[in-house]
Every structure is written in C-alpha cells, then in structure tokens.
Amino acid sequence: MLRSVGAIEAYHRQYHAPIVPPKVVDMLILQPYHPRSVRFSSTEVQAGLKAISGSGAASYANESERLAGKVLESLRFDTIEEILGRGLHLYLTDLVRSLRSIGAEIARTYFYYGTMA
C-alpha cells in the first residue's frame, strides 16, 4: 500500500519503525502533513471551497462547505485506536459515503445551478 502511493520513505521518516498496519492506516488517513493522506486532502478541499465562496474560517456558505468541515473535524479528532476499534472497513465505508456527499453538493452548488428550480 505504501509503495503504491509513494510513501515508504515518508513512513520511515515519520515512525522510525518497521511497517505495521495501524501505522500505515494512521499515515494514510490521519496525518495532516502527508500529501497522500485523507486528512491532508480534506484540508485542501475545505480551503478550496472557502476560497471560492469567500466564507470565513468559523462559518460556511453552503452545504458542501458544511459537510467538508464536518469530515475534516472528524479526521482531526479521530484516533487510530478509535478507527480500528470501530472497524476499519466500516470507518472507510462511512468516510467514502461522506466524501461522496461532499462531491454531490459541490456539483449541485457550482455546476448545476442553471438547472435548479
């Protein structure tokens, strides 16, 4: 998995340890500075949405921003122990569902505005 996203060197710099699944999950989901992590990408999505709408840091201008903020806050406060305790598959299924909702709201807000009643 790490090799497929070009993260083996980054993993060894971050953890200074053998490759173990919980640390791989932590790196690919929760690490804020690893550019292949879900959290890093979610931060970029939220920043992009706020740049487009011009909304402030503590507010949101539309549903896509609200959902993006909600996902990002979850990623900021979730721990690897909580994720694995809940079940990685269930966690990822819920995360993908949330990300899909953000995409649908982005499309509805910014691309389909001419067709909305």
PDB file of N, CA and C in Angstrom:
ATOM      1  N   MET A   1       0.827  -1.186   0.000  1.00  0.00           N
ATOM      2  CA  MET A   1       0.000   0.000   0.000  1.00  0.00           C
ATOM      3  C   MET A   1       0.873   1.253   0.000  1.00  0.00           C
ATOM      4  N   LEU A   2       1.858   1.302   0.887  1.00  0.00           N
ATOM      5  CA  LEU A   2       2.732   2.477   0.947  1.00  0.00           C
ATOM      6  C   LEU A   2       3.472   2.688  -0.365  1.00  0.00           C
ATOM      7  N   ARG A   3       3.916   1.616  -0.956  1.00  0.00           N
ATOM      8  CA  ARG A   3       4.635   1.732  -2.223  1.00  0.00           C
ATOM      9  C   ARG A   3       3.721   2.287  -3.313  1.00  0.00           C
ATOM     10  N   SER A   4       2.453   1.876  -3.317  1.00  0.00           N
ATOM     11  CA  SER A   4       1.548   2.324  -4.370  1.00  0.00           C
ATOM     12  C   SER A   4       1.268   3.818  -4.315  1.00  0.00           C
ATOM     13  N   VAL A   5       1.423   4.427  -3.142  1.00  0.00           N
ATOM     14  CA  VAL A   5       1.206   5.877  -3.029  1.00  0.00           C
ATOM     15  C   VAL A   5       2.515   6.636  -2.832  1.00  0.00           C
ATOM     16  N   GLY A   6       3.631   5.949  -3.012  1.00  0.00           N
ATOM     17  CA  GLY A   6       4.931   6.610  -2.897  1.00  0.00           C
ATOM     18  C   GLY A   6       5.230   7.116  -1.500  1.00  0.00           C
ATOM     19  N   ALA A   7       4.899   6.314  -0.474  1.00  0.00           N
ATOM     20  CA  ALA A   7       5.017   6.806   0.895  1.00  0.00           C
ATOM     21  C   ALA A   7       5.936   5.980   1.789  1.00  0.00           C
ATOM     22  N   ILE A   8       6.708   5.091   1.225  1.00  0.00           N
ATOM     23  CA  ILE A   8       7.564   4.251   2.076  1.00  0.00           C
ATOM     24  C   ILE A   8       8.610   5.094   2.802  1.00  0.00           C
ATOM     25  N   GLU A   9       9.282   5.965   2.083  1.00  0.00           N
ATOM     26  CA  GLU A   9      10.297   6.811   2.723  1.00  0.00           C
ATOM     27  C   GLU A   9       9.667   7.722   3.778  1.00  0.00           C
ATOM     28  N   ALA A  10       8.540   8.309   3.453  1.00  0.00           N
ATOM     29  CA  ALA A  10       7.855   9.183   4.407  1.00  0.00           C
ATOM     30  C   ALA A  10       7.444   8.404   5.659  1.00  0.00           C
ATOM     31  N   TYR A  11       7.008   7.164   5.467  1.00  0.00           N
ATOM     32  CA  TYR A  11       6.635   6.325   6.610  1.00  0.00           C
ATOM     33  C   TYR A  11       7.828   6.128   7.536  1.00  0.00           C
ATOM     34  N   HIS A  12       8.963   5.764   6.968  1.00  0.00           N
ATOM     35  CA  HIS A  12      10.152   5.521   7.791  1.00  0.00           C
ATOM     36  C   HIS A  12      10.647   6.800   8.465  1.00  0.00           C
ATOM     37  N   ARG A  13      10.516   7.936   7.807  1.00  0.00           N
ATOM     38  CA  ARG A  13      10.890   9.210   8.448  1.00  0.00           C
ATOM     39  C   ARG A  13       9.945   9.545   9.598  1.00  0.00           C
ATOM     40  N   GLN A  14       8.670   9.243   9.420  1.00  0.00           N
ATOM     41  CA  GLN A  14       7.666   9.571  10.433  1.00  0.00           C
ATOM     42  C   GLN A  14       7.750   8.653  11.648  1.00  0.00           C
ATOM     43  N   TYR A  15       7.883   7.352  11.422  1.00  0.00           N
ATOM     44  CA  TYR A  15       7.725   6.398  12.517  1.00  0.00           C
ATOM     45  C   TYR A  15       9.019   5.744  13.000  1.00  0.00           C
ATOM     46  N   HIS A  16      10.055   5.734  12.207  1.00  0.00           N
ATOM     47  CA  HIS A  16      11.322   5.101  12.600  1.00  0.00           C
ATOM     48  C   HIS A  16      11.087   3.697  13.142  1.00  0.00           C
ATOM     49  N   ALA A  17      10.239   2.943  12.465  1.00  0.00           N
ATOM     50  CA  ALA A  17       9.856   1.617  12.943  1.00  0.00           C
ATOM     51  C   ALA A  17       9.517   0.723  11.754  1.00  0.00           C
ATOM     52  N   PRO A  18       9.449  -0.579  12.010  1.00  0.00           N
ATOM     53  CA  PRO A  18       9.004  -1.489  10.945  1.00  0.00           C
ATOM     54  C   PRO A  18       7.584  -1.144  10.494  1.00  0.00           C
ATOM     55  N   ILE A  19       7.239  -1.553   9.314  1.00  0.00           N
ATOM     56  CA  ILE A  19       5.910  -1.285   8.769  1.00  0.00           C
ATOM     57  C   ILE A  19       4.893  -2.193   9.465  1.00  0.00           C
ATOM     58  N   VAL A  20       3.929  -1.551  10.119  1.00  0.00           N
ATOM     59  CA  VAL A  20       2.849  -2.278  10.788  1.00  0.00           C
ATOM     60  C   VAL A  20       1.517  -1.649  10.373  1.00  0.00           C
ATOM     61  N   PRO A  21       0.476  -2.460  10.208  1.00  0.00           N
ATOM     62  CA  PRO A  21      -0.798  -1.947   9.690  1.00  0.00           C
ATOM     63  C   PRO A  21      -1.376  -0.731  10.415  1.00  0.00           C
ATOM     64  N   PRO A  22      -1.409  -0.679  11.750  1.00  0.00           N
ATOM     65  CA  PRO A  22      -2.011   0.515  12.373  1.00  0.00           C
ATOM     66  C   PRO A  22      -1.301   1.819  12.003  1.00  0.00           C
ATOM     67  N   LYS A  23       0.007   1.768  11.869  1.00  0.00           N
ATOM     68  CA  LYS A  23       0.740   2.983  11.500  1.00  0.00           C
ATOM     69  C   LYS A  23       0.528   3.345  10.038  1.00  0.00           C
ATOM     70  N   VAL A  24       0.354   2.340   9.196  1.00  0.00           N
ATOM     71  CA  VAL A  24       0.045   2.606   7.786  1.00  0.00           C
ATOM     72  C   VAL A  24      -1.314   3.290   7.687  1.00  0.00           C
ATOM     73  N   VAL A  25      -2.294   2.769   8.414  1.00  0.00           N
ATOM     74  CA  VAL A  25      -3.629   3.372   8.421  1.00  0.00           C
ATOM     75  C   VAL A  25      -3.552   4.806   8.945  1.00  0.00           C
ATOM     76  N   ASP A  26      -2.819   4.994  10.037  1.00  0.00           N
ATOM     77  CA  ASP A  26      -2.652   6.337  10.600  1.00  0.00           C
ATOM     78  C   ASP A  26      -2.059   7.290   9.569  1.00  0.00           C
ATOM     79  N   MET A  27      -1.030   6.864   8.896  1.00  0.00           N
ATOM     80  CA  MET A  27      -0.362   7.738   7.927  1.00  0.00           C
ATOM     81  C   MET A  27      -1.274   8.073   6.751  1.00  0.00           C
ATOM     82  N   LEU A  28      -1.998   7.093   6.245  1.00  0.00           N
ATOM     83  CA  LEU A  28      -2.788   7.317   5.036  1.00  0.00           C
ATOM     84  C   LEU A  28      -4.145   7.965   5.297  1.00  0.00           C
ATOM     85  N   ILE A  29      -4.577   7.982   6.547  1.00  0.00           N
ATOM     86  CA  ILE A  29      -5.862   8.619   6.850  1.00  0.00           C
ATOM     87  C   ILE A  29      -5.686   9.898   7.661  1.00  0.00           C
ATOM     88  N   LEU A  30      -4.921   9.851   8.739  1.00  0.00           N
ATOM     89  CA  LEU A  30      -4.955  10.927   9.725  1.00  0.00           C
ATOM     90  C   LEU A  30      -3.824  11.943   9.681  1.00  0.00           C
ATOM     91  N   GLN A  31      -2.735  11.651   9.026  1.00  0.00           N
ATOM     92  CA  GLN A  31      -1.595  12.562   9.081  1.00  0.00           C
ATOM     93  C   GLN A  31      -1.870  13.870   8.324  1.00  0.00           C
ATOM     94  N   PRO A  32      -1.767  15.009   9.002  1.00  0.00           N
ATOM     95  CA  PRO A  32      -2.117  16.284   8.367  1.00  0.00           C
ATOM     96  C   PRO A  32      -1.098  16.801   7.362  1.00  0.00           C
ATOM     97  N   TYR A  33       0.154  16.333   7.419  1.00  0.00           N
ATOM     98  CA  TYR A  33       1.180  16.873   6.531  1.00  0.00           C
ATOM     99  C   TYR A  33       1.617  15.905   5.439  1.00  0.00           C
ATOM    100  N   HIS A  34       1.057  14.718   5.437  1.00  0.00           N
ATOM    101  CA  HIS A  34       1.402  13.766   4.375  1.00  0.00           C
ATOM    102  C   HIS A  34       0.457  13.988   3.199  1.00  0.00           C
ATOM    103  N   PRO A  35       0.980  14.390   2.048  1.00  0.00           N
ATOM    104  CA  PRO A  35       0.114  14.798   0.930  1.00  0.00           C
ATOM    105  C   PRO A  35      -0.753  13.692   0.337  1.00  0.00           C
ATOM    106  N   ARG A  36      -0.553  12.453   0.736  1.00  0.00           N
ATOM    107  CA  ARG A  36      -1.397  11.369   0.251  1.00  0.00           C
ATOM    108  C   ARG A  36      -2.465  10.966   1.277  1.00  0.00           C
ATOM    109  N   SER A  37      -2.504  11.650   2.416  1.00  0.00           N
ATOM    110  CA  SER A  37      -3.474  11.257   3.442  1.00  0.00           C
ATOM    111  C   SER A  37      -4.843  11.864   3.166  1.00  0.00           C
ATOM    112  N   VAL A  38      -5.849  11.199   3.675  1.00  0.00           N
ATOM    113  CA  VAL A  38      -7.214  11.696   3.536  1.00  0.00           C
ATOM    114  C   VAL A  38      -7.365  13.036   4.249  1.00  0.00           C
ATOM    115  N   ARG A  39      -6.753  13.166   5.412  1.00  0.00           N
ATOM    116  CA  ARG A  39      -6.861  14.432   6.156  1.00  0.00           C
ATOM    117  C   ARG A  39      -6.233  15.587   5.387  1.00  0.00           C
ATOM    118  N   PHE A  40      -5.059  15.385   4.828  1.00  0.00           N
ATOM    119  CA  PHE A  40      -4.405  16.434   4.046  1.00  0.00           C
ATOM    120  C   PHE A  40      -5.307  16.844   2.876  1.00  0.00           C
ATOM    121  N   SER A  41      -5.828  15.856   2.168  1.00  0.00           N
ATOM    122  CA  SER A  41      -6.688  16.147   1.019  1.00  0.00           C
ATOM    123  C   SER A  41      -7.968  16.851   1.441  1.00  0.00           C
ATOM    124  N   SER A  42      -8.530  16.443   2.568  1.00  0.00           N
ATOM    125  CA  SER A  42      -9.746  17.093   3.068  1.00  0.00           C
ATOM    126  C   SER A  42      -9.487  18.546   3.452  1.00  0.00           C
ATOM    127  N   THR A  43      -8.323  18.808   4.003  1.00  0.00           N
ATOM    128  CA  THR A  43      -7.944  20.180   4.332  1.00  0.00           C
ATOM    129  C   THR A  43      -7.877  21.021   3.064  1.00  0.00           C
ATOM    130  N   GLU A  44      -7.313  20.465   2.008  1.00  0.00           N
ATOM    131  CA  GLU A  44      -7.214  21.178   0.735  1.00  0.00           C
ATOM    132  C   GLU A  44      -8.595  21.428   0.121  1.00  0.00           C
ATOM    133  N   VAL A  45      -9.479  20.442   0.222  1.00  0.00           N
ATOM    134  CA  VAL A  45     -10.838  20.614  -0.299  1.00  0.00           C
ATOM    135  C   VAL A  45     -11.536  21.746   0.442  1.00  0.00           C
ATOM    136  N   GLN A  46     -11.462  21.720   1.762  1.00  0.00           N
ATOM    137  CA  GLN A  46     -12.115  22.776   2.541  1.00  0.00           C
ATOM    138  C   GLN A  46     -11.530  24.151   2.215  1.00  0.00           C
ATOM    139  N   ALA A  47     -10.214  24.238   2.108  1.00  0.00           N
ATOM    140  CA  ALA A  47      -9.578  25.521   1.777  1.00  0.00           C
ATOM    141  C   ALA A  47     -10.029  26.008   0.401  1.00  0.00           C
ATOM    142  N   GLY A  48     -10.123  25.105  -0.551  1.00  0.00           N
ATOM    143  CA  GLY A  48     -10.575  25.477  -1.888  1.00  0.00           C
ATOM    144  C   GLY A  48     -12.013  25.968  -1.900  1.00  0.00           C
ATOM    145  N   LEU A  49     -12.877  25.263  -1.172  1.00  0.00           N
ATOM    146  CA  LEU A  49     -14.279  25.681  -1.107  1.00  0.00           C
ATOM    147  C   LEU A  49     -14.418  27.050  -0.453  1.00  0.00           C
ATOM    148  N   LYS A  50     -13.672  27.288   0.608  1.00  0.00           N
ATOM    149  CA  LYS A  50     -13.728  28.592   1.281  1.00  0.00           C
ATOM    150  C   LYS A  50     -13.163  29.700   0.391  1.00  0.00           C
ATOM    151  N   ALA A  51     -12.149  29.382  -0.389  1.00  0.00           N
ATOM    152  CA  ALA A  51     -11.592  30.374  -1.310  1.00  0.00           C
ATOM    153  C   ALA A  51     -12.614  30.756  -2.387  1.00  0.00           C
ATOM    154  N   ILE A  52     -13.366  29.776  -2.847  1.00  0.00           N
ATOM    155  CA  ILE A  52     -14.380  30.051  -3.866  1.00  0.00           C
ATOM    156  C   ILE A  52     -15.515  30.898  -3.305  1.00  0.00           C
ATOM    157  N   SER A  53     -15.997  30.521  -2.122  1.00  0.00           N
ATOM    158  CA  SER A  53     -17.174  31.207  -1.571  1.00  0.00           C
ATOM    159  C   SER A  53     -16.826  32.482  -0.815  1.00  0.00           C
ATOM    160  N   GLY A  54     -15.595  32.549  -0.306  1.00  0.00           N
ATOM    161  CA  GLY A  54     -15.199  33.704   0.481  1.00  0.00           C
ATOM    162  C   GLY A  54     -15.695  33.664   1.915  1.00  0.00           C
ATOM    163  N   SER A  55     -16.164  32.525   2.363  1.00  0.00           N
ATOM    164  CA  SER A  55     -16.655  32.430   3.740  1.00  0.00           C
ATOM    165  C   SER A  55     -15.482  32.418   4.712  1.00  0.00           C
ATOM    166  N   GLY A  56     -15.755  32.835   5.931  1.00  0.00           N
ATOM    167  CA  GLY A  56     -14.720  32.897   6.961  1.00  0.00           C
ATOM    168  C   GLY A  56     -14.386  31.539   7.533  1.00  0.00           C
ATOM    169  N   ALA A  57     -13.367  31.531   8.384  1.00  0.00           N
ATOM    170  CA  ALA A  57     -12.884  30.283   8.968  1.00  0.00           C
ATOM    171  C   ALA A  57     -13.927  29.603   9.848  1.00  0.00           C
ATOM    172  N   ALA A  58     -14.726  30.360  10.550  1.00  0.00           N
ATOM    173  CA  ALA A  58     -15.685  29.784  11.500  1.00  0.00           C
ATOM    174  C   ALA A  58     -17.095  29.691  10.931  1.00  0.00           C
ATOM    175  N   SER A  59     -17.231  29.804   9.620  1.00  0.00           N
ATOM    176  CA  SER A  59     -18.562  29.755   9.020  1.00  0.00           C
ATOM    177  C   SER A  59     -18.518  28.930   7.737  1.00  0.00           C
ATOM    178  N   TYR A  60     -19.680  28.755   7.147  1.00  0.00           N
ATOM    179  CA  TYR A  60     -19.749  28.073   5.863  1.00  0.00           C
ATOM    180  C   TYR A  60     -20.821  28.737   5.018  1.00  0.00           C
ATOM    181  N   ALA A  61     -20.604  28.707   3.710  1.00  0.00           N
ATOM    182  CA  ALA A  61     -21.512  29.397   2.805  1.00  0.00           C
ATOM    183  C   ALA A  61     -22.541  28.466   2.172  1.00  0.00           C
ATOM    184  N   ASN A  62     -22.279  27.165   2.201  1.00  0.00           N
ATOM    185  CA  ASN A  62     -23.189  26.228   1.560  1.00  0.00           C
ATOM    186  C   ASN A  62     -23.004  24.830   2.158  1.00  0.00           C
ATOM    187  N   GLU A  63     -23.809  23.919   1.695  1.00  0.00           N
ATOM    188  CA  GLU A  63     -23.809  22.568   2.256  1.00  0.00           C
ATOM    189  C   GLU A  63     -22.501  21.823   1.986  1.00  0.00           C
ATOM    190  N   SER A  64     -21.878  22.059   0.851  1.00  0.00           N
ATOM    191  CA  SER A  64     -20.606  21.374   0.574  1.00  0.00           C
ATOM    192  C   SER A  64     -19.533  21.806   1.575  1.00  0.00           C
ATOM    193  N   GLU A  65     -19.500  23.069   1.917  1.00  0.00           N
ATOM    194  CA  GLU A  65     -18.538  23.547   2.925  1.00  0.00           C
ATOM    195  C   GLU A  65     -18.846  22.972   4.300  1.00  0.00           C
ATOM    196  N   ARG A  66     -20.122  22.906   4.644  1.00  0.00           N
ATOM    197  CA  ARG A  66     -20.509  22.357   5.943  1.00  0.00           C
ATOM    198  C   ARG A  66     -20.091  20.895   6.060  1.00  0.00           C
ATOM    199  N   LEU A  67     -20.376  20.124   5.017  1.00  0.00           N
ATOM    200  CA  LEU A  67     -20.011  18.706   5.038  1.00  0.00           C
ATOM    201  C   LEU A  67     -18.499  18.520   5.046  1.00  0.00           C
ATOM    202  N   ALA A  68     -17.783  19.327   4.274  1.00  0.00           N
ATOM    203  CA  ALA A  68     -16.315  19.232   4.248  1.00  0.00           C
ATOM    204  C   ALA A  68     -15.742  19.558   5.622  1.00  0.00           C
ATOM    205  N   GLY A  69     -16.284  20.561   6.273  1.00  0.00           N
ATOM    206  CA  GLY A  69     -15.830  20.912   7.617  1.00  0.00           C
ATOM    207  C   GLY A  69     -16.106  19.807   8.619  1.00  0.00           C
ATOM    208  N   LYS A  70     -17.251  19.191   8.483  1.00  0.00           N
ATOM    209  CA  LYS A  70     -17.634  18.093   9.373  1.00  0.00           C
ATOM    210  C   LYS A  70     -16.670  16.903   9.219  1.00  0.00           C
ATOM    211  N   VAL A  71     -16.353  16.539   7.987  1.00  0.00           N
ATOM    212  CA  VAL A  71     -15.406  15.445   7.746  1.00  0.00           C
ATOM    213  C   VAL A  71     -14.029  15.810   8.273  1.00  0.00           C
ATOM    214  N   LEU A  72     -13.597  17.019   8.015  1.00  0.00           N
ATOM    215  CA  LEU A  72     -12.270  17.437   8.457  1.00  0.00           C
ATOM    216  C   LEU A  72     -12.172  17.437   9.980  1.00  0.00           C
ATOM    217  N   GLU A  73     -13.179  17.910  10.663  1.00  0.00           N
ATOM    218  CA  GLU A  73     -13.147  17.885  12.129  1.00  0.00           C
ATOM    219  C   GLU A  73     -13.077  16.457  12.650  1.00  0.00           C
ATOM    220  N   SER A  74     -13.802  15.567  12.027  1.00  0.00           N
ATOM    221  CA  SER A  74     -13.742  14.163  12.430  1.00  0.00           C
ATOM    222  C   SER A  74     -12.319  13.620  12.243  1.00  0.00           C
ATOM    223  N   LEU A  75     -11.708  13.937  11.118  1.00  0.00           N
ATOM    224  CA  LEU A  75     -10.345  13.467  10.859  1.00  0.00           C
ATOM    225  C   LEU A  75      -9.341  14.100  11.819  1.00  0.00           C
ATOM    226  N   ARG A  76      -9.605  15.309  12.260  1.00  0.00           N
ATOM    227  CA  ARG A  76      -8.707  15.963  13.223  1.00  0.00           C
ATOM    228  C   ARG A  76      -8.763  15.307  14.601  1.00  0.00           C
ATOM    229  N   PHE A  77      -9.940  14.846  14.990  1.00  0.00           N
ATOM    230  CA  PHE A  77     -10.118  14.358  16.354  1.00  0.00           C
ATOM    231  C   PHE A  77     -10.167  12.839  16.489  1.00  0.00           C
ATOM    232  N   ASP A  78     -10.397  12.117  15.403  1.00  0.00           N
ATOM    233  CA  ASP A  78     -10.370  10.654  15.483  1.00  0.00           C
ATOM    234  C   ASP A  78      -8.960  10.178  15.783  1.00  0.00           C
ATOM    235  N   THR A  79      -8.862   9.074  16.494  1.00  0.00           N
ATOM    236  CA  THR A  79      -7.564   8.447  16.742  1.00  0.00           C
ATOM    237  C   THR A  79      -7.521   7.118  16.015  1.00  0.00           C
ATOM    238  N   ILE A  80      -6.332   6.633  15.791  1.00  0.00           N
ATOM    239  CA  ILE A  80      -6.191   5.347  15.114  1.00  0.00           C
ATOM    240  C   ILE A  80      -6.830   4.237  15.949  1.00  0.00           C
ATOM    241  N   GLU A  81      -6.739   4.355  17.260  1.00  0.00           N
ATOM    242  CA  GLU A  81      -7.353   3.350  18.129  1.00  0.00           C
ATOM    243  C   GLU A  81      -8.876   3.332  17.966  1.00  0.00           C
ATOM    244  N   GLU A  82      -9.488   4.512  17.865  1.00  0.00           N
ATOM    245  CA  GLU A  82     -10.937   4.588  17.664  1.00  0.00           C
ATOM    246  C   GLU A  82     -11.331   4.010  16.306  1.00  0.00           C
ATOM    247  N   ILE A  83     -10.559   4.333  15.294  1.00  0.00           N
ATOM    248  CA  ILE A  83     -10.856   3.837  13.943  1.00  0.00           C
ATOM    249  C   ILE A  83     -10.785   2.315  13.911  1.00  0.00           C
ATOM    250  N   LEU A  84      -9.703   1.765  14.425  1.00  0.00           N
ATOM    251  CA  LEU A  84      -9.535   0.314  14.396  1.00  0.00           C
ATOM    252  C   LEU A  84     -10.519  -0.370  15.338  1.00  0.00           C
ATOM    253  N   GLY A  85     -10.841   0.263  16.456  1.00  0.00           N
ATOM    254  CA  GLY A  85     -11.820  -0.296  17.381  1.00  0.00           C
ATOM    255  C   GLY A  85     -13.209  -0.375  16.769  1.00  0.00           C
ATOM    256  N   ARG A  86     -13.547   0.609  15.990  1.00  0.00           N
ATOM    257  CA  ARG A  86     -14.838   0.638  15.304  1.00  0.00           C
ATOM    258  C   ARG A  86     -14.870  -0.365  14.152  1.00  0.00           C
ATOM    259  N   GLY A  87     -13.709  -0.561  13.553  1.00  0.00           N
ATOM    260  CA  GLY A  87     -13.592  -1.426  12.385  1.00  0.00           C
ATOM    261  C   GLY A  87     -13.189  -0.592  11.187  1.00  0.00           C
ATOM    262  N   LEU A  88     -12.029  -0.880  10.629  1.00  0.00           N
ATOM    263  CA  LEU A  88     -11.503  -0.081   9.518  1.00  0.00           C
ATOM    264  C   LEU A  88     -12.458  -0.076   8.329  1.00  0.00           C
ATOM    265  N   HIS A  89     -13.012  -1.215   7.993  1.00  0.00           N
ATOM    266  CA  HIS A  89     -13.902  -1.287   6.836  1.00  0.00           C
ATOM    267  C   HIS A  89     -15.131  -0.389   7.034  1.00  0.00           C
ATOM    268  N   LEU A  90     -15.746  -0.456   8.194  1.00  0.00           N
ATOM    269  CA  LEU A  90     -16.907   0.378   8.485  1.00  0.00           C
ATOM    270  C   LEU A  90     -16.532   1.862   8.465  1.00  0.00           C
ATOM    271  N   TYR A  91     -15.394   2.197   9.072  1.00  0.00           N
ATOM    272  CA  TYR A  91     -14.936   3.587   9.092  1.00  0.00           C
ATOM    273  C   TYR A  91     -14.739   4.110   7.668  1.00  0.00           C
ATOM    274  N   LEU A  92     -14.049   3.320   6.847  1.00  0.00           N
ATOM    275  CA  LEU A  92     -13.785   3.755   5.468  1.00  0.00           C
ATOM    276  C   LEU A  92     -15.067   3.827   4.640  1.00  0.00           C
ATOM    277  N   THR A  93     -15.988   2.902   4.877  1.00  0.00           N
ATOM    278  CA  THR A  93     -17.270   2.949   4.168  1.00  0.00           C
ATOM    279  C   THR A  93     -18.015   4.238   4.488  1.00  0.00           C
ATOM    280  N   ASP A  94     -18.055   4.597   5.764  1.00  0.00           N
ATOM    281  CA  ASP A  94     -18.713   5.838   6.169  1.00  0.00           C
ATOM    282  C   ASP A  94     -17.984   7.060   5.630  1.00  0.00           C
ATOM    283  N   LEU A  95     -16.654   7.015   5.637  1.00  0.00           N
ATOM    284  CA  LEU A  95     -15.859   8.125   5.119  1.00  0.00           C
ATOM    285  C   LEU A  95     -16.106   8.314   3.626  1.00  0.00           C
ATOM    286  N   VAL A  96     -16.114   7.234   2.871  1.00  0.00           N
ATOM    287  CA  VAL A  96     -16.376   7.324   1.430  1.00  0.00           C
ATOM    288  C   VAL A  96     -17.777   7.876   1.178  1.00  0.00           C
ATOM    289  N   ARG A  97     -18.741   7.451   1.967  1.00  0.00           N
ATOM    290  CA  ARG A  97     -20.108   7.961   1.835  1.00  0.00           C
ATOM    291  C   ARG A  97     -20.136   9.476   2.072  1.00  0.00           C
ATOM    292  N   SER A  98     -19.429   9.929   3.087  1.00  0.00           N
ATOM    293  CA  SER A  98     -19.369  11.364   3.380  1.00  0.00           C
ATOM    294  C   SER A  98     -18.677  12.133   2.263  1.00  0.00           C
ATOM    295  N   LEU A  99     -17.585  11.593   1.757  1.00  0.00           N
ATOM    296  CA  LEU A  99     -16.864  12.258   0.673  1.00  0.00           C
ATOM    297  C   LEU A  99     -17.701  12.307  -0.596  1.00  0.00           C
ATOM    298  N   ARG A 100     -18.451  11.264  -0.846  1.00  0.00           N
ATOM    299  CA  ARG A 100     -19.348  11.243  -1.998  1.00  0.00           C
ATOM    300  C   ARG A 100     -20.423  12.326  -1.854  1.00  0.00           C
ATOM    301  N   SER A 101     -20.929  12.520  -0.647  1.00  0.00           N
ATOM    302  CA  SER A 101     -21.929  13.571  -0.401  1.00  0.00           C
ATOM    303  C   SER A 101     -21.341  14.957  -0.647  1.00  0.00           C
ATOM    304  N   ILE A 102     -20.094  15.151  -0.244  1.00  0.00           N
ATOM    305  CA  ILE A 102     -19.429  16.434  -0.494  1.00  0.00           C
ATOM    306  C   ILE A 102     -19.331  16.675  -1.999  1.00  0.00           C
ATOM    307  N   GLY A 103     -18.922  15.662  -2.740  1.00  0.00           N
ATOM    308  CA  GLY A 103     -18.828  15.794  -4.196  1.00  0.00           C
ATOM    309  C   GLY A 103     -20.162  16.127  -4.831  1.00  0.00           C
ATOM    310  N   ALA A 104     -21.222  15.479  -4.355  1.00  0.00           N
ATOM    311  CA  ALA A 104     -22.552  15.746  -4.895  1.00  0.00           C
ATOM    312  C   ALA A 104     -22.982  17.179  -4.586  1.00  0.00           C
ATOM    313  N   GLU A 105     -22.688  17.657  -3.400  1.00  0.00           N
ATOM    314  CA  GLU A 105     -23.044  19.035  -3.037  1.00  0.00           C
ATOM    315  C   GLU A 105     -22.217  20.053  -3.815  1.00  0.00           C
ATOM    316  N   ILE A 106     -20.946  19.753  -4.049  1.00  0.00           N
ATOM    317  CA  ILE A 106     -20.118  20.648  -4.880  1.00  0.00           C
ATOM    318  C   ILE A 106     -20.725  20.741  -6.270  1.00  0.00           C
ATOM    319  N   ALA A 107     -21.092  19.602  -6.838  1.00  0.00           N
ATOM    320  CA  ALA A 107     -21.699  19.601  -8.172  1.00  0.00           C
ATOM    321  C   ALA A 107     -23.007  20.377  -8.174  1.00  0.00           C
ATOM    322  N   ARG A 108     -23.841  20.154  -7.171  1.00  0.00           N
ATOM    323  CA  ARG A 108     -25.133  20.841  -7.089  1.00  0.00           C
ATOM    324  C   ARG A 108     -24.943  22.350  -6.927  1.00  0.00           C
ATOM    325  N   THR A 109     -23.978  22.747  -6.119  1.00  0.00           N
ATOM    326  CA  THR A 109     -23.775  24.165  -5.829  1.00  0.00           C
ATOM    327  C   THR A 109     -23.090  24.910  -6.969  1.00  0.00           C
ATOM    328  N   TYR A 110     -22.083  24.299  -7.569  1.00  0.00           N
ATOM    329  CA  TYR A 110     -21.235  25.034  -8.508  1.00  0.00           C
ATOM    330  C   TYR A 110     -21.383  24.639  -9.971  1.00  0.00           C
ATOM    331  N   PHE A 111     -22.014  23.516 -10.266  1.00  0.00           N
ATOM    332  CA  PHE A 111     -22.080  23.082 -11.650  1.00  0.00           C
ATOM    333  C   PHE A 111     -23.488  22.985 -12.208  1.00  0.00           C
ATOM    334  N   TYR A 112     -24.463  22.725 -11.360  1.00  0.00           N
ATOM    335  CA  TYR A 112     -25.828  22.529 -11.851  1.00  0.00           C
ATOM    336  C   TYR A 112     -26.739  23.682 -11.511  1.00  0.00           C
ATOM    337  N   TYR A 113     -26.194  24.814 -11.201  1.00  0.00           N
ATOM    338  CA  TYR A 113     -27.015  25.939 -10.766  1.00  0.00           C
ATOM    339  C   TYR A 113     -28.013  26.397 -11.800  1.00  0.00           C
ATOM    340  N   GLY A 114     -27.741  26.208 -13.073  1.00  0.00           N
ATOM    341  CA  GLY A 114     -28.674  26.640 -14.120  1.00  0.00           C
ATOM    342  C   GLY A 114     -29.878  25.765 -14.231  1.00  0.00           C
ATOM    343  N   THR A 115     -29.822  24.536 -13.700  1.00  0.00           N
ATOM    344  CA  THR A 115     -30.937  23.616 -13.836  1.00  0.00           C
ATOM    345  C   THR A 115     -31.783  23.518 -12.583  1.00  0.00           C
ATOM    346  N   MET A 116     -31.386  24.238 -11.525  1.00  0.00           N
ATOM    347  CA  MET A 116     -32.135  24.152 -10.281  1.00  0.00           C
ATOM    348  C   MET A 116     -33.328  25.093 -10.321  1.00  0.00           C
ATOM    349  N   ALA A 117     -34.423  24.655  -9.727  1.00  0.00           N
ATOM    350  CA  ALA A 117     -35.636  25.474  -9.714  1.00  0.00           C
ATOM    351  C   ALA A 117     -35.663  26.386  -8.523  1.00  0.00           C
TER     352      ALA A 117
END
